[in-house]
């Protein structure tokens, strides 16, 4: 069973296109929900240039979509170029 997958996307801010990373988690396991809740609380309070920026998250059914800054040169970045 797959718990998550990720992909590269983009958003438009003030007419400027910006690449982002989107992680989608399947929330069927209670332990995973607790861990993600802790991680999201932690990420929303972080503001440091060496840590990937948390943008937003969405809950739709049993899936949690987390939108993050794309780390250029990451495995996800290289996979989709």
N, C-alpha and C. Protein backbone atom coordinates (compact mmCIF):
# COMPACT_ATOMS: atom_id res chain seq x y z
N UNK A 1 0.84 -1.18 0.00
CA UNK A 1 0.00 0.00 0.00
C UNK A 1 0.89 1.25 0.00
N UNK A 2 0.59 2.18 -0.86
CA UNK A 2 1.33 3.44 -0.93
C UNK A 2 0.69 4.46 0.00
N UNK A 3 1.53 5.10 0.82
CA UNK A 3 1.03 6.10 1.75
C UNK A 3 1.08 7.50 1.18
N UNK A 4 1.98 7.73 0.21
CA UNK A 4 2.08 9.08 -0.36
C UNK A 4 2.73 9.03 -1.74
N UNK A 5 2.55 10.11 -2.46
CA UNK A 5 3.27 10.33 -3.71
C UNK A 5 3.46 11.83 -3.84
N UNK A 6 4.38 12.23 -4.69
CA UNK A 6 4.64 13.66 -4.87
C UNK A 6 4.85 13.97 -6.34
N UNK A 7 4.66 15.23 -6.66
CA UNK A 7 4.88 15.67 -8.03
C UNK A 7 5.24 17.15 -8.04
N UNK A 8 5.81 17.56 -9.16
CA UNK A 8 6.19 18.96 -9.35
C UNK A 8 5.06 19.66 -10.09
N UNK A 9 4.73 20.87 -9.67
CA UNK A 9 3.68 21.64 -10.30
C UNK A 9 4.11 23.11 -10.32
N UNK A 10 3.16 24.00 -10.54
CA UNK A 10 3.48 25.42 -10.46
C UNK A 10 2.26 26.18 -9.99
N UNK A 11 2.51 27.39 -9.50
CA UNK A 11 1.45 28.31 -9.13
C UNK A 11 1.81 29.67 -9.69
N UNK A 12 0.82 30.52 -9.84
CA UNK A 12 1.07 31.85 -10.37
C UNK A 12 0.79 32.86 -9.26
N UNK A 13 1.80 33.65 -8.95
CA UNK A 13 1.71 34.68 -7.92
C UNK A 13 2.04 36.02 -8.56
N UNK A 14 1.10 36.93 -8.50
CA UNK A 14 1.29 38.28 -9.06
C UNK A 14 1.83 38.23 -10.49
N UNK A 15 1.24 37.33 -11.29
CA UNK A 15 1.61 37.22 -12.69
C UNK A 15 2.91 36.47 -12.95
N UNK A 16 3.53 35.95 -11.92
CA UNK A 16 4.82 35.25 -12.05
C UNK A 16 4.62 33.77 -11.75
N UNK A 17 5.11 32.91 -12.62
CA UNK A 17 5.00 31.46 -12.43
C UNK A 17 6.09 30.98 -11.49
N UNK A 18 5.71 30.14 -10.53
CA UNK A 18 6.65 29.63 -9.54
C UNK A 18 6.46 28.12 -9.42
N UNK A 19 7.57 27.36 -9.48
CA UNK A 19 7.49 25.91 -9.35
C UNK A 19 7.28 25.55 -7.88
N UNK A 20 6.49 24.51 -7.65
CA UNK A 20 6.22 24.04 -6.30
C UNK A 20 6.26 22.51 -6.27
N UNK A 21 6.35 21.96 -5.09
CA UNK A 21 6.24 20.51 -4.89
C UNK A 21 4.92 20.24 -4.19
N UNK A 22 4.23 19.20 -4.62
CA UNK A 22 2.97 18.80 -4.00
C UNK A 22 3.12 17.36 -3.51
N UNK A 23 2.87 17.14 -2.23
CA UNK A 23 2.90 15.80 -1.64
C UNK A 23 1.48 15.41 -1.28
N UNK A 24 1.06 14.23 -1.68
CA UNK A 24 -0.29 13.75 -1.40
C UNK A 24 -0.18 12.51 -0.52
N UNK A 25 -0.83 12.57 0.65
CA UNK A 25 -0.78 11.47 1.62
C UNK A 25 -2.14 10.81 1.72
N UNK A 26 -2.14 9.48 1.79
CA UNK A 26 -3.34 8.70 2.03
C UNK A 26 -3.50 8.58 3.55
N UNK A 27 -4.59 9.08 4.10
CA UNK A 27 -4.76 9.17 5.54
C UNK A 27 -5.54 8.00 6.14
N UNK A 28 -5.32 6.82 5.66
CA UNK A 28 -6.05 5.68 6.19
C UNK A 28 -5.47 5.15 7.50
N UNK A 29 -4.26 5.55 7.86
CA UNK A 29 -3.64 5.08 9.09
C UNK A 29 -3.62 6.18 10.14
N UNK A 30 -4.12 5.87 11.33
CA UNK A 30 -4.18 6.84 12.43
C UNK A 30 -2.79 7.35 12.80
N UNK A 31 -1.79 6.47 12.82
CA UNK A 31 -0.43 6.89 13.19
C UNK A 31 0.09 7.93 12.20
N UNK A 32 -0.17 7.75 10.92
CA UNK A 32 0.27 8.70 9.91
C UNK A 32 -0.40 10.06 10.11
N UNK A 33 -1.66 10.06 10.47
CA UNK A 33 -2.39 11.32 10.71
C UNK A 33 -1.74 12.10 11.84
N UNK A 34 -1.42 11.42 12.93
CA UNK A 34 -0.78 12.08 14.07
C UNK A 34 0.57 12.66 13.69
N UNK A 35 1.37 11.90 12.95
CA UNK A 35 2.69 12.36 12.53
C UNK A 35 2.59 13.57 11.59
N UNK A 36 1.67 13.53 10.66
CA UNK A 36 1.50 14.64 9.72
C UNK A 36 0.99 15.90 10.43
N UNK A 37 0.11 15.71 11.38
CA UNK A 37 -0.41 16.85 12.13
C UNK A 37 0.74 17.55 12.87
N UNK A 38 1.62 16.77 13.49
CA UNK A 38 2.78 17.34 14.18
C UNK A 38 3.70 18.06 13.19
N UNK A 39 3.98 17.41 12.07
CA UNK A 39 4.87 17.99 11.07
C UNK A 39 4.31 19.30 10.49
N UNK A 40 3.02 19.34 10.20
CA UNK A 40 2.41 20.56 9.66
C UNK A 40 2.44 21.70 10.67
N UNK A 41 2.19 21.38 11.94
CA UNK A 41 2.27 22.41 12.99
C UNK A 41 3.69 22.96 13.05
N UNK A 42 4.67 22.08 12.96
CA UNK A 42 6.07 22.48 12.99
C UNK A 42 6.42 23.35 11.78
N UNK A 43 6.03 22.89 10.58
CA UNK A 43 6.36 23.62 9.35
C UNK A 43 5.71 25.00 9.28
N UNK A 44 4.49 25.13 9.78
CA UNK A 44 3.81 26.43 9.70
C UNK A 44 4.49 27.48 10.57
N UNK A 45 5.24 27.06 11.56
CA UNK A 45 5.92 28.00 12.45
C UNK A 45 7.37 28.25 12.08
N UNK A 46 7.87 27.59 11.04
CA UNK A 46 9.26 27.75 10.63
C UNK A 46 9.42 28.86 9.60
N UNK A 47 10.49 29.59 9.72
CA UNK A 47 10.84 30.60 8.73
C UNK A 47 12.36 30.72 8.72
N UNK A 48 13.00 29.89 7.89
CA UNK A 48 14.46 29.86 7.83
C UNK A 48 14.88 29.63 6.39
N UNK A 49 15.90 30.34 5.92
CA UNK A 49 16.30 30.22 4.51
C UNK A 49 16.83 28.83 4.12
N UNK A 50 17.24 28.01 5.07
CA UNK A 50 17.78 26.68 4.77
C UNK A 50 16.74 25.56 4.90
N UNK A 51 15.49 25.92 5.13
CA UNK A 51 14.43 24.93 5.28
C UNK A 51 13.35 25.21 4.24
N UNK A 52 12.88 24.15 3.59
CA UNK A 52 11.85 24.30 2.56
C UNK A 52 10.62 24.97 3.15
N UNK A 53 10.09 25.91 2.40
CA UNK A 53 8.96 26.73 2.84
C UNK A 53 7.63 25.99 2.64
N UNK A 54 6.86 25.89 3.71
CA UNK A 54 5.52 25.32 3.64
C UNK A 54 4.58 26.39 3.11
N UNK A 55 3.78 26.06 2.10
CA UNK A 55 2.88 27.03 1.49
C UNK A 55 1.45 26.85 2.00
N UNK A 56 0.91 25.65 1.84
CA UNK A 56 -0.48 25.42 2.22
C UNK A 56 -0.78 23.94 2.18
N UNK A 57 -1.88 23.55 2.82
CA UNK A 57 -2.33 22.16 2.72
C UNK A 57 -3.84 22.12 2.54
N UNK A 58 -4.29 21.02 1.94
CA UNK A 58 -5.71 20.83 1.64
C UNK A 58 -6.09 19.41 2.04
N UNK A 59 -7.28 19.24 2.55
CA UNK A 59 -7.80 17.93 2.88
C UNK A 59 -9.00 17.65 1.99
N UNK A 60 -8.93 16.54 1.25
CA UNK A 60 -10.04 16.15 0.39
C UNK A 60 -10.27 14.66 0.58
N UNK A 61 -11.38 14.33 1.25
CA UNK A 61 -11.65 12.93 1.55
C UNK A 61 -10.58 12.37 2.46
N UNK A 62 -9.98 11.26 2.06
CA UNK A 62 -8.91 10.62 2.85
C UNK A 62 -7.52 11.01 2.36
N UNK A 63 -7.42 12.09 1.61
CA UNK A 63 -6.11 12.52 1.08
C UNK A 63 -5.76 13.92 1.58
N UNK A 64 -4.52 14.06 2.04
CA UNK A 64 -3.99 15.35 2.47
C UNK A 64 -2.99 15.81 1.43
N UNK A 65 -3.21 16.98 0.85
CA UNK A 65 -2.34 17.57 -0.16
C UNK A 65 -1.53 18.66 0.52
N UNK A 66 -0.20 18.54 0.50
CA UNK A 66 0.68 19.53 1.11
C UNK A 66 1.48 20.20 0.00
N UNK A 67 1.42 21.52 -0.03
CA UNK A 67 2.12 22.31 -1.05
C UNK A 67 3.35 22.95 -0.40
N UNK A 68 4.51 22.70 -1.01
CA UNK A 68 5.78 23.17 -0.48
C UNK A 68 6.60 23.86 -1.57
N UNK A 69 7.54 24.65 -1.14
CA UNK A 69 8.53 25.21 -2.04
C UNK A 69 9.26 24.05 -2.71
N UNK A 70 9.56 24.16 -3.99
CA UNK A 70 10.32 23.13 -4.68
C UNK A 70 11.80 23.35 -4.45
N UNK A 71 12.47 22.33 -3.98
CA UNK A 71 13.91 22.42 -3.77
C UNK A 71 14.59 22.10 -5.10
N UNK A 72 15.16 23.08 -5.72
CA UNK A 72 15.81 22.90 -7.03
C UNK A 72 17.00 21.95 -6.85
N UNK A 73 17.06 20.96 -7.72
CA UNK A 73 18.13 19.96 -7.65
C UNK A 73 17.74 18.73 -6.84
N UNK A 74 16.53 18.72 -6.27
CA UNK A 74 16.08 17.57 -5.50
C UNK A 74 15.76 16.40 -6.43
N UNK A 75 15.55 15.23 -5.88
CA UNK A 75 15.18 14.06 -6.67
C UNK A 75 13.88 14.33 -7.43
N UNK A 76 12.90 14.99 -6.77
CA UNK A 76 11.63 15.31 -7.42
C UNK A 76 11.84 16.27 -8.58
N UNK A 77 12.71 17.24 -8.40
CA UNK A 77 13.01 18.21 -9.45
C UNK A 77 13.67 17.52 -10.64
N UNK A 78 14.63 16.67 -10.41
CA UNK A 78 15.33 15.97 -11.49
C UNK A 78 14.44 14.96 -12.18
N UNK A 79 13.53 14.34 -11.43
CA UNK A 79 12.66 13.29 -11.99
C UNK A 79 11.74 13.84 -13.08
N UNK A 80 11.28 15.06 -12.93
CA UNK A 80 10.27 15.57 -13.86
C UNK A 80 10.81 16.58 -14.86
N UNK A 81 12.11 16.65 -15.03
CA UNK A 81 12.67 17.56 -16.03
C UNK A 81 13.04 16.82 -17.28
